[in-house]
Protein backbone atom coordinates (compact mmCIF):
# COMPACT_ATOMS: atom_id res chain seq x y z
CA MET A 1 0.00 0.00 0.00
CA SER A 2 1.29 3.44 -0.88
CA SER A 3 2.21 5.95 1.80
CA PRO A 4 -0.28 8.55 3.03
CA SER A 5 -0.05 12.16 1.96
CA PRO A 6 1.38 14.79 4.34
CA VAL A 7 -1.89 16.69 4.85
CA ALA A 8 -4.55 17.48 2.26
CA ILE A 9 -6.78 20.37 3.16
CA LEU A 10 -9.73 22.21 1.72
CA ALA A 11 -10.56 19.40 -0.63
CA VAL A 12 -14.08 18.73 0.59
CA ALA A 13 -16.39 20.47 2.95
CA SER A 14 -19.96 20.83 4.10
CA ALA A 15 -22.33 23.52 5.21
CA LEU A 16 -22.84 24.22 8.88
CA PRO A 17 -26.19 23.26 10.39
CA ALA A 18 -28.72 26.04 10.85
CA ILE A 19 -27.91 28.15 13.90
CA VAL A 20 -30.79 29.49 15.97
CA GLY A 21 -29.90 32.48 18.14
CA ASP A 22 -26.63 31.74 19.92
CA VAL A 23 -27.08 27.95 19.95
CA VAL A 24 -24.10 26.42 18.16
CA PRO A 25 -24.06 22.89 16.71
CA GLU A 26 -22.76 19.97 18.76
CA TRP A 27 -22.41 17.56 15.83
CA VAL A 28 -21.02 18.65 12.46
CA MET A 29 -20.56 16.58 9.29
CA VAL A 30 -16.93 16.95 8.22
CA MET A 31 -16.73 14.36 5.41
CA PRO A 32 -19.46 13.23 3.01
CA ALA A 33 -20.07 9.58 2.29
CA GLY A 34 -18.41 7.93 -0.68
CA THR A 35 -16.34 9.83 -3.24
CA SER A 36 -15.82 13.59 -3.26
CA HIS A 37 -14.33 15.97 -5.82
CA GLY A 38 -13.13 19.53 -5.50
CA VAL A 39 -14.31 22.21 -7.89
CA ASP A 40 -10.64 23.15 -8.33
CA GLY A 41 -9.95 19.68 -9.78
CA ARG A 42 -8.46 17.96 -6.77
CA GLY A 43 -9.50 14.46 -5.84
CA PRO A 44 -11.19 12.12 -5.99
CA TYR A 45 -11.16 11.47 -2.26
CA VAL A 46 -12.86 8.37 -0.93
CA LEU A 47 -14.33 7.93 2.56
CA LYS A 48 -14.21 4.14 2.44
CA ASP A 49 -14.33 3.26 6.14
CA PRO A 50 -15.66 6.10 8.38
CA THR A 51 -15.33 4.00 11.55
CA LYS A 52 -11.65 3.35 10.86
CA VAL A 53 -11.04 7.02 10.09
CA ALA A 54 -12.75 7.96 13.36
CA ALA A 55 -10.47 5.64 15.32
CA GLN A 56 -7.32 6.83 13.56
CA SER A 57 -8.18 10.51 14.09
CA ILE A 58 -8.36 10.38 17.89
CA GLN A 59 -5.02 9.12 19.17
CA GLY A 60 -4.18 8.89 22.87
CA GLY A 61 -7.31 10.75 23.86
CA ARG A 62 -6.04 13.96 22.25
CA ASP A 63 -8.72 16.31 20.91
CA VAL A 64 -8.71 17.40 17.28
CA ALA A 65 -8.71 21.17 16.73
CA PHE A 66 -11.44 23.11 15.03
CA ASP A 67 -9.70 26.27 13.73
CA TYR A 68 -10.18 29.17 11.31
CA ASN A 69 -9.21 28.77 7.63
CA HIS A 70 -6.85 25.89 8.45
CA GLN A 71 -4.37 28.06 10.32
CA THR A 72 -3.35 25.02 12.39
CA VAL A 73 -1.76 23.62 9.22
CA PHE A 74 -0.40 26.89 7.79
CA ALA A 75 1.04 28.20 11.07
CA ALA A 76 3.95 25.76 10.84
CA LEU A 77 5.01 27.39 7.56
CA HIS A 78 4.31 31.03 8.25
CA GLY A 79 4.74 31.26 12.00
CA SER A 80 1.28 32.80 12.26
CA PRO A 81 -1.14 32.35 15.20
CA SER A 82 -3.45 29.34 15.01
CA PRO A 83 -6.19 29.79 17.60
CA ALA A 84 -8.81 27.08 17.96
CA SER A 85 -12.49 27.83 17.45
CA GLY A 86 -13.47 24.58 19.13
CA TRP A 87 -12.34 21.07 20.11
CA ILE A 88 -13.47 17.66 18.76
CA ASP A 89 -13.33 14.71 21.15
CA ARG A 90 -14.76 11.98 18.86
CA PHE A 91 -16.00 11.15 15.37
CA GLU A 92 -18.96 9.03 14.31
CA ASP A 93 -20.08 7.09 11.24
CA ARG A 94 -23.56 8.19 10.20
CA GLU A 95 -24.78 6.39 7.09
CA GLY A 96 -21.33 6.43 5.55
CA ALA A 97 -20.59 10.09 6.34
CA LEU A 98 -18.19 11.21 9.05
CA PHE A 99 -19.51 13.48 11.81
CA ALA A 100 -17.47 15.26 14.47
CA HIS A 101 -18.61 15.88 18.04
CA VAL A 102 -17.53 19.36 19.14
CA HIS A 103 -17.56 19.08 22.92
CA TYR A 104 -16.30 22.66 23.36
CA TRP A 105 -16.63 25.81 21.25
CA THR A 106 -14.40 28.68 22.33
CA PRO A 107 -16.08 32.06 23.13
CA ALA A 108 -14.62 33.50 19.92
CA GLY A 109 -15.78 30.45 17.95
CA ARG A 110 -19.29 30.69 19.39
CA ALA A 111 -19.45 34.39 18.57
CA ALA A 112 -18.25 33.80 14.98
CA LEU A 113 -20.88 31.12 14.42
CA ALA A 114 -23.68 33.11 16.05
CA ALA A 115 -22.78 36.11 13.87
CA ARG A 116 -22.64 33.84 10.79
CA GLU A 117 -19.10 34.99 10.08
CA TYR A 118 -18.37 31.45 8.79
CA ARG A 119 -20.83 29.26 6.92
CA TYR A 120 -18.90 26.12 6.11
CA VAL A 121 -16.55 23.54 7.58
CA SER A 122 -13.61 21.90 5.80
CA PRO A 123 -11.41 19.01 7.00
CA ALA A 124 -7.65 18.75 6.76
CA PHE A 125 -6.93 15.04 6.36
CA HIS A 126 -4.35 12.40 5.55
CA HIS A 127 -5.11 10.24 2.53
CA ASP A 128 -3.54 7.57 0.34
CA GLU A 129 -1.79 9.37 -2.51
CA LYS A 130 -2.61 6.67 -5.09
CA THR A 131 -6.14 5.61 -4.21
CA GLY A 132 -7.38 8.83 -2.60
CA GLU A 133 -8.73 6.92 0.41
CA VAL A 134 -9.18 9.17 3.46
CA LEU A 135 -7.17 7.76 6.38
CA SER A 136 -7.54 10.24 9.26
CA ILE A 137 -8.65 13.78 10.11
CA ALA A 138 -5.86 16.16 11.19
CA SER A 139 -8.05 19.19 11.92
CA VAL A 140 -11.24 20.91 10.78
CA GLY A 141 -11.54 24.56 9.79
CA LEU A 142 -14.28 27.14 9.67
CA VAL A 143 -14.15 28.53 6.11
CA ASN A 144 -16.22 30.58 3.66
CA MET A 145 -15.22 29.59 0.12
CA PRO A 146 -17.14 26.52 -1.19
CA ASN A 147 -15.31 24.06 -3.42
CA LEU A 148 -17.21 20.80 -3.23
CA ARG A 149 -19.27 19.47 -6.13
CA GLU A 150 -21.19 16.81 -4.23
CA LEU A 151 -22.36 19.03 -1.33
CA PRO A 152 -23.74 22.57 -1.00
CA ALA A 153 -20.42 23.40 0.64
CA LEU A 154 -17.23 24.16 0.53
CA ASN A 155 -13.75 24.97 0.72
CA SER A 156 -11.03 27.41 -0.10
CA GLN A 157 -9.57 27.02 -3.57
CA LEU A 158 -6.07 27.64 -2.26
CA HIS A 159 -3.57 24.89 -3.01
CA THR A 160 -2.60 22.64 -0.18
CA ILE A 161 0.61 21.42 1.32
CA GLY A 162 -0.15 17.80 0.54
CA ASP A 163 -1.49 18.24 -2.98
CA SER A 164 0.44 21.11 -4.52
CA MET A 165 3.81 20.47 -2.90
CA ASN A 166 4.33 16.72 -3.45
CA LYS A 167 7.67 15.00 -3.47
CA GLU A 168 8.18 15.25 -7.22
CA GLU A 169 7.52 18.98 -7.28
CA LEU A 170 9.73 19.53 -4.24
CA ALA A 171 12.54 17.70 -6.01
CA ARG A 172 12.18 19.92 -9.12
CA LEU A 173 12.17 23.04 -6.98
CA ALA A 174 15.23 21.84 -5.06
CA ALA A 175 17.09 21.15 -8.30
CA ALA A 176 16.27 24.64 -9.59
CA LEU A 177 17.80 26.08 -6.42
CA GLY A 178 20.91 23.89 -6.67
CA LEU A 179 19.93 21.70 -3.70
CA ALA A 180 19.83 17.93 -3.34
CA ALA A 181 16.73 16.23 -4.73
CA ASP A 182 15.69 15.10 -1.23
CA ALA A 183 15.96 18.59 0.29
CA THR A 184 13.22 19.29 2.81
CA LEU A 185 10.71 22.10 2.51
CA ASP A 186 12.53 23.94 5.32
CA LYS A 187 15.84 23.84 3.38
CA ILE A 188 14.15 25.00 0.19
CA THR A 189 12.46 27.85 2.04
CA ALA A 190 15.75 28.90 3.69
CA CYS A 191 17.58 28.85 0.36
CA ALA A 192 14.87 30.96 -1.28
CA ALA A 193 15.12 33.47 1.58
CA GLU A 194 18.91 33.72 1.11
CA LEU A 195 18.52 34.33 -2.62
CA LYS A 196 15.91 37.01 -1.96
CA ALA A 197 18.20 38.78 0.52
CA ALA A 198 21.13 38.63 -1.92
CA ALA A 199 19.00 40.08 -4.71
CA ALA A 200 18.06 43.01 -2.47
CA LYS A 201 21.72 44.05 -1.97
CA PRO A 202 23.18 46.74 -4.29
CA ALA A 203 24.87 45.22 -7.29
CA VAL A 204 28.67 45.45 -7.47
CA THR A 205 29.75 46.11 -11.03
CA THR A 206 33.12 45.18 -12.50
CA GLY A 207 34.86 45.92 -15.77
CA THR A 208 34.42 49.01 -17.91
CA PRO A 209 31.24 50.95 -17.16
CA ASP A 210 28.91 52.15 -19.90
CA PRO A 211 30.07 55.72 -20.73
CA SER A 212 26.50 56.73 -21.57
CA GLY A 213 25.54 56.32 -17.91
CA TRP A 214 28.21 58.44 -16.21
CA VAL A 215 30.47 61.49 -16.58
CA PRO A 216 34.02 62.05 -15.29
CA MET A 217 34.24 63.67 -11.86
CA SER A 218 36.43 66.45 -13.25
CA ALA A 219 33.75 67.40 -15.77
CA PHE A 220 31.08 67.29 -13.06
CA THR A 221 33.17 69.51 -10.78
CA GLU A 222 33.84 72.04 -13.54
CA LEU A 223 30.16 72.15 -14.48
CA SER A 224 29.25 72.70 -10.83
CA LYS A 225 31.66 75.66 -10.66
CA GLN A 226 30.17 77.18 -13.79
CA VAL A 227 26.63 76.82 -12.48
CA SER A 228 27.67 78.38 -9.17
CA ALA A 229 29.38 81.31 -10.95
CA LEU A 230 26.32 81.90 -13.11
CA ALA A 231 24.08 81.86 -10.05
CA THR A 232 26.34 84.37 -8.27
CA ALA A 233 26.49 86.66 -11.32
CA SER A 234 22.72 86.49 -11.66
CA ALA A 235 22.24 87.40 -7.99
CA THR A 236 24.71 90.31 -8.30
CA THR A 237 23.02 91.66 -11.42
CA GLY A 238 19.62 91.39 -9.81
CA ALA A 239 20.81 93.20 -6.69
CA GLN A 240 22.45 95.99 -8.76
CA ASN A 241 19.31 96.51 -10.81
CA ALA A 242 17.13 96.61 -7.70
CA VAL A 243 19.36 99.15 -5.93
CA ASP A 244 19.62 101.33 -9.04
CA ALA A 245 15.85 101.37 -9.28
CA ALA A 246 15.54 102.29 -5.60
CA MET A 247 17.98 105.17 -6.08
CA ARG A 248 16.04 106.45 -9.09
CA GLU A 249 12.91 106.42 -6.95
CA GLY A 250 14.67 108.41 -4.23
CA LYS A 251 14.41 105.64 -1.62
CA VAL A 252 18.15 104.92 -1.47
CA THR A 253 20.75 107.71 -1.24
CA PRO A 254 24.30 107.41 -2.60
CA ALA A 255 25.51 107.02 0.98
CA MET A 256 23.18 104.03 1.44
CA LYS A 257 24.23 102.26 -1.76
CA THR A 258 26.83 99.95 -0.20
CA TRP A 259 24.39 98.79 2.46
CA ALA A 260 21.61 98.40 -0.09
CA LEU A 261 23.74 96.29 -2.44
CA ASP A 262 24.80 94.01 0.41
CA TYR A 263 21.17 93.57 1.51
CA ALA A 264 19.82 92.95 -1.98
CA SER A 265 22.61 90.47 -2.82
CA GLN A 266 21.76 88.36 0.20
CA ASN A 267 17.98 88.71 0.14
CA LEU A 268 16.54 90.24 -3.00
CA THR A 269 12.97 89.51 -1.94
CA GLY A 270 13.51 91.12 1.45
CA PHE A 271 15.07 94.20 -0.14
CA ALA A 272 12.11 94.54 -2.50
CA ALA A 273 9.74 94.42 0.47
CA TRP A 274 11.82 97.04 2.30
CA LYS A 275 11.80 99.32 -0.74
CA ALA A 276 8.05 98.99 -1.15
CA ALA A 277 7.49 100.03 2.48
CA SER A 278 10.08 102.86 2.51
CA PRO A 279 9.21 106.51 1.86
CA VAL A 280 10.94 108.72 -0.70
CA ILE A 281 13.73 110.35 1.30
CA VAL A 282 15.43 112.42 -1.40
CA ALA A 283 14.17 113.73 -4.67
CA PRO A 284 15.72 111.99 -7.69
CA GLY A 285 18.94 113.83 -8.68
CA ALA A 286 19.31 115.73 -5.36
CA VAL A 287 22.62 115.72 -3.43
CA LEU A 288 22.22 115.07 0.28
CA THR A 289 24.39 116.83 2.85
CA VAL A 290 24.11 116.86 6.61
CA GLY A 291 24.16 119.91 8.91
CA GLY A 292 25.43 122.40 6.27
CA ALA A 293 24.33 124.21 3.16
CA PRO A 294 23.14 121.85 0.46
CA GLY A 295 24.71 121.70 -2.95
CA ALA A 296 23.29 123.47 -5.93
CA GLU A 297 20.92 120.58 -6.72
CA SER A 298 19.85 119.79 -3.16
CA HIS A 299 16.86 120.76 -1.12
CA ALA A 300 16.95 123.14 1.84
CA ALA A 301 19.06 122.00 4.76
CA GLY A 302 16.04 121.43 6.95
CA GLN A 303 14.54 119.05 4.42
CA ASP A 304 17.82 117.16 4.08
CA ASP A 305 18.10 116.78 7.85
CA LYS A 306 14.61 115.28 7.94
CA ALA A 307 15.57 112.89 5.16
CA VAL A 308 18.66 111.75 7.07
CA LEU A 309 16.58 111.20 10.17
CA ALA A 310 14.18 109.08 8.12
CA VAL A 311 17.08 107.00 6.79
CA CYS A 312 18.49 106.51 10.27
CA ALA A 313 15.07 105.46 11.52
CA GLN A 314 14.84 102.88 8.75
CA LEU A 315 18.33 101.53 9.54
CA GLY A 316 17.93 101.73 13.31
CA ILE A 317 21.09 103.83 13.82
CA THR A 318 21.94 107.32 15.08
CA VAL A 319 22.91 110.25 12.85
CA GLU A 320 26.48 110.08 14.18
CA GLN A 321 26.72 106.40 13.24
CA TYR A 322 25.30 107.23 9.85
CA LYS A 323 27.97 109.88 9.28
CA LYS A 324 30.77 107.60 10.41
CA THR A 325 29.85 104.43 8.51
CA GLN A 326 28.72 106.05 5.29
CA GLY A 327 31.39 108.83 5.02
CA VAL A 328 28.93 111.68 5.17
CA THR A 329 30.45 114.84 6.73
CA THR A 330 28.81 117.82 8.31
CA ALA A 331 29.26 121.37 7.04
CA ALA A 332 31.51 122.08 10.00
CA GLN A 333 33.76 119.15 9.10
CA ASN A 334 33.89 120.35 5.51
CA THR A 335 34.92 123.79 6.73
CA GLY A 336 37.66 122.30 8.89
CA ALA A 337 38.95 120.34 5.97
CA LYS A 338 39.19 123.46 3.85
CA GLU A 339 41.19 125.25 6.56
């Protein structure tokens, strides 16, 4: 007799009995009588001797788990939680079909059934790989995706460990990964994980690189210098134009030009805002003096003094500081210089 499969799951299933209020079923059919086929093409599976299957499923008095979506089987592969929804303590042959006695439903399992969150049950079972005879029940899952032709129920159409990952396919996968033909699923999984990690690392290239994909560092550096010089020249030109315009409008005096250029070069937007908010402090073309008689083109001395005071107020400095930093002299100083 051929060896049994690892575990076949989701191959056949049945609908849950009608639930009234919060009363959950005590007996549930987990395997139909006779031969079953899956909508996804798996099978046939034959329940030849339900009494024998019942005896083989309960070993050493250990309960069989009722879970959700067969997580008891998948948890070993994915390391995911596998909570039970209930516990089966015995199976029974009823007219050729196999029924499970659920002696305990967990609170979460009861709530899921009462809320109709799951409508079907599906067994995970060992079977003879050649004949399809069902040998024992490994676990039973609450599921929602029907896949059975013979019953108005169910199962997920996901592939299973026993059916889709048989020895022959494992051997082909192992060979593709450069492993021995008898490599276990754990070794194959570990090898695949190593290859995935290696593929994620940055590639190290050797040989002559494609010249279309790079430029010499010297050329890059020179281009960077040129771009920087152009940016500086552009900023300087913009600042000069802005200050010249401010002087034509009478908002910047010749004595203020150095300060204005420095400000505009560093913050052209800020200078523009300052100019917009500043008053006209000297008529265009006038020559500003401080404390003495104005030149031929200037306003009266009193008007010039007011203009200087306005400038100092804008700059936040005293008249003396203004004279010192900007080189503006008083009439008295001019007289002393002449002497």
